[in-house]
Amino acid sequence: MLSDVRRCREDLVYQARPRPGAARTIDPDEAREALRLLDDIERDLEAEVIRLGRARRSA
């Protein structure tokens, strides 16, 4: 799941990047907001992985 979030981030950055002769496929402001949300999701998932790892070791 964490790799999916990271892949989404890469796709989003690619789509928002200006390219000569090509239009952006996503609005830069929307891209920034989406990146903030993906950052939050990634941080939450990483925290959950750590928590589950600790719970497994203590069980």
N, C-alpha and C. Protein backbone atom coordinates (compact mmCIF):
# COMPACT_ATOMS: atom_id res chain seq x y z
N MET A 1 0.82 -1.18 0.00
CA MET A 1 0.00 0.00 0.00
C MET A 1 0.87 1.26 0.00
N LEU A 2 1.95 1.21 0.77
CA LEU A 2 2.86 2.35 0.81
C LEU A 2 3.49 2.59 -0.55
N SER A 3 3.82 1.52 -1.24
CA SER A 3 4.40 1.68 -2.58
C SER A 3 3.37 2.28 -3.55
N ASP A 4 2.10 1.99 -3.36
CA ASP A 4 1.05 2.58 -4.20
C ASP A 4 0.98 4.10 -3.99
N VAL A 5 1.09 4.53 -2.74
CA VAL A 5 1.07 5.96 -2.45
C VAL A 5 2.27 6.64 -3.11
N ARG A 6 3.42 6.02 -3.00
CA ARG A 6 4.63 6.60 -3.61
C ARG A 6 4.52 6.65 -5.13
N ARG A 7 3.93 5.63 -5.72
CA ARG A 7 3.72 5.61 -7.17
C ARG A 7 2.74 6.72 -7.59
N CYS A 8 1.70 6.91 -6.81
CA CYS A 8 0.75 7.99 -7.09
C CYS A 8 1.45 9.35 -7.05
N ARG A 9 2.33 9.52 -6.07
CA ARG A 9 3.07 10.77 -5.96
C ARG A 9 3.92 11.00 -7.22
N GLU A 10 4.63 9.97 -7.65
CA GLU A 10 5.47 10.09 -8.85
C GLU A 10 4.62 10.45 -10.07
N ASP A 11 3.48 9.81 -10.22
CA ASP A 11 2.59 10.10 -11.34
C ASP A 11 2.07 11.53 -11.28
N LEU A 12 1.71 11.96 -10.09
CA LEU A 12 1.18 13.31 -9.91
C LEU A 12 2.24 14.35 -10.24
N VAL A 13 3.45 14.15 -9.75
CA VAL A 13 4.53 15.09 -10.04
C VAL A 13 4.79 15.14 -11.54
N TYR A 14 4.79 13.99 -12.19
CA TYR A 14 5.01 13.95 -13.64
C TYR A 14 3.92 14.73 -14.38
N GLN A 15 2.68 14.53 -13.99
CA GLN A 15 1.56 15.19 -14.67
C GLN A 15 1.56 16.70 -14.45
N ALA A 16 2.03 17.13 -13.30
CA ALA A 16 2.00 18.56 -12.97
C ALA A 16 3.21 19.31 -13.52
N ARG A 17 4.23 18.59 -13.94
CA ARG A 17 5.46 19.22 -14.42
C ARG A 17 5.22 19.85 -15.79
N PRO A 18 5.64 21.11 -15.94
CA PRO A 18 5.51 21.73 -17.26
C PRO A 18 6.50 21.11 -18.24
N ARG A 19 6.02 20.84 -19.44
CA ARG A 19 6.88 20.27 -20.47
C ARG A 19 6.77 21.13 -21.72
N PRO A 20 7.89 21.38 -22.38
CA PRO A 20 7.83 22.20 -23.60
C PRO A 20 6.90 21.58 -24.64
N GLY A 21 6.01 22.40 -25.15
CA GLY A 21 5.12 21.94 -26.20
C GLY A 21 3.97 21.07 -25.75
N ALA A 22 3.84 20.86 -24.45
CA ALA A 22 2.75 20.01 -23.94
C ALA A 22 2.05 20.74 -22.80
N ALA A 23 0.77 20.57 -22.73
CA ALA A 23 0.01 21.17 -21.65
C ALA A 23 0.10 20.30 -20.40
N ARG A 24 0.02 20.95 -19.27
CA ARG A 24 -0.06 20.20 -18.02
C ARG A 24 -1.38 19.45 -18.01
N THR A 25 -1.38 18.30 -17.40
CA THR A 25 -2.63 17.54 -17.33
C THR A 25 -3.35 17.76 -16.01
N ILE A 26 -2.74 18.55 -15.11
CA ILE A 26 -3.37 18.83 -13.82
C ILE A 26 -2.98 20.25 -13.40
N ASP A 27 -3.88 20.92 -12.74
CA ASP A 27 -3.64 22.27 -12.25
C ASP A 27 -2.57 22.23 -11.15
N PRO A 28 -1.59 23.13 -11.18
CA PRO A 28 -0.52 23.12 -10.17
C PRO A 28 -1.04 23.26 -8.74
N ASP A 29 -2.06 24.08 -8.51
CA ASP A 29 -2.61 24.22 -7.16
C ASP A 29 -3.26 22.92 -6.69
N GLU A 30 -3.98 22.27 -7.60
CA GLU A 30 -4.58 20.98 -7.25
C GLU A 30 -3.50 19.94 -7.00
N ALA A 31 -2.43 20.00 -7.76
CA ALA A 31 -1.33 19.05 -7.57
C ALA A 31 -0.69 19.25 -6.20
N ARG A 32 -0.48 20.51 -5.80
CA ARG A 32 0.11 20.78 -4.47
C ARG A 32 -0.77 20.23 -3.36
N GLU A 33 -2.07 20.46 -3.48
CA GLU A 33 -3.00 19.95 -2.46
C GLU A 33 -2.99 18.42 -2.44
N ALA A 34 -2.99 17.81 -3.60
CA ALA A 34 -2.95 16.35 -3.66
C ALA A 34 -1.65 15.82 -3.07
N LEU A 35 -0.54 16.50 -3.31
CA LEU A 35 0.74 16.07 -2.73
C LEU A 35 0.71 16.18 -1.21
N ARG A 36 0.08 17.23 -0.69
CA ARG A 36 -0.05 17.36 0.76
C ARG A 36 -0.85 16.19 1.33
N LEU A 37 -1.93 15.84 0.66
CA LEU A 37 -2.74 14.71 1.12
C LEU A 37 -1.96 13.40 1.04
N LEU A 38 -1.23 13.20 -0.04
CA LEU A 38 -0.41 11.99 -0.17
C LEU A 38 0.67 11.94 0.90
N ASP A 39 1.25 13.09 1.25
CA ASP A 39 2.23 13.15 2.33
C ASP A 39 1.60 12.68 3.64
N ASP A 40 0.38 13.17 3.92
CA ASP A 40 -0.32 12.78 5.15
C ASP A 40 -0.59 11.27 5.16
N ILE A 41 -1.05 10.75 4.04
CA ILE A 41 -1.35 9.32 3.94
C ILE A 41 -0.08 8.51 4.13
N GLU A 42 1.00 8.93 3.47
CA GLU A 42 2.26 8.19 3.59
C GLU A 42 2.77 8.20 5.03
N ARG A 43 2.70 9.35 5.69
CA ARG A 43 3.14 9.47 7.08
C ARG A 43 2.31 8.55 7.98
N ASP A 44 0.99 8.54 7.77
CA ASP A 44 0.11 7.68 8.58
C ASP A 44 0.42 6.20 8.34
N LEU A 45 0.63 5.82 7.08
CA LEU A 45 0.95 4.42 6.77
C LEU A 45 2.28 4.00 7.38
N GLU A 46 3.28 4.88 7.30
CA GLU A 46 4.58 4.56 7.89
C GLU A 46 4.46 4.38 9.40
N ALA A 47 3.69 5.24 10.05
CA ALA A 47 3.48 5.12 11.49
C ALA A 47 2.77 3.81 11.83
N GLU A 48 1.82 3.42 11.01
CA GLU A 48 1.09 2.17 11.25
C GLU A 48 2.01 0.96 11.07
N VAL A 49 2.88 1.01 10.07
CA VAL A 49 3.84 -0.09 9.87
C VAL A 49 4.74 -0.22 11.08
N ILE A 50 5.21 0.89 11.60
CA ILE A 50 6.07 0.86 12.79
C ILE A 50 5.30 0.30 13.98
N ARG A 51 4.06 0.77 14.16
CA ARG A 51 3.24 0.30 15.29
C ARG A 51 2.99 -1.20 15.19
N LEU A 52 2.66 -1.68 14.01
CA LEU A 52 2.40 -3.11 13.83
C LEU A 52 3.67 -3.93 14.05
N GLY A 53 4.80 -3.41 13.61
CA GLY A 53 6.06 -4.10 13.84
C GLY A 53 6.37 -4.24 15.32
N ARG A 54 6.13 -3.18 16.07
CA ARG A 54 6.36 -3.22 17.52
C ARG A 54 5.39 -4.19 18.19
N ALA A 55 4.13 -4.17 17.75
CA ALA A 55 3.13 -5.07 18.33
C ALA A 55 3.49 -6.52 18.05
N ARG A 56 3.99 -6.79 16.87
CA ARG A 56 4.37 -8.15 16.51
C ARG A 56 5.54 -8.63 17.36
N ARG A 57 6.52 -7.75 17.56
CA ARG A 57 7.69 -8.13 18.36
C ARG A 57 7.34 -8.36 19.83
N SER A 58 6.37 -7.61 20.34
CA SER A 58 6.01 -7.74 21.75
C SER A 58 5.02 -8.88 21.99
N ALA A 59 4.44 -9.43 20.94
CA ALA A 59 3.45 -10.50 21.10
C ALA A 59 4.09 -11.84 21.34
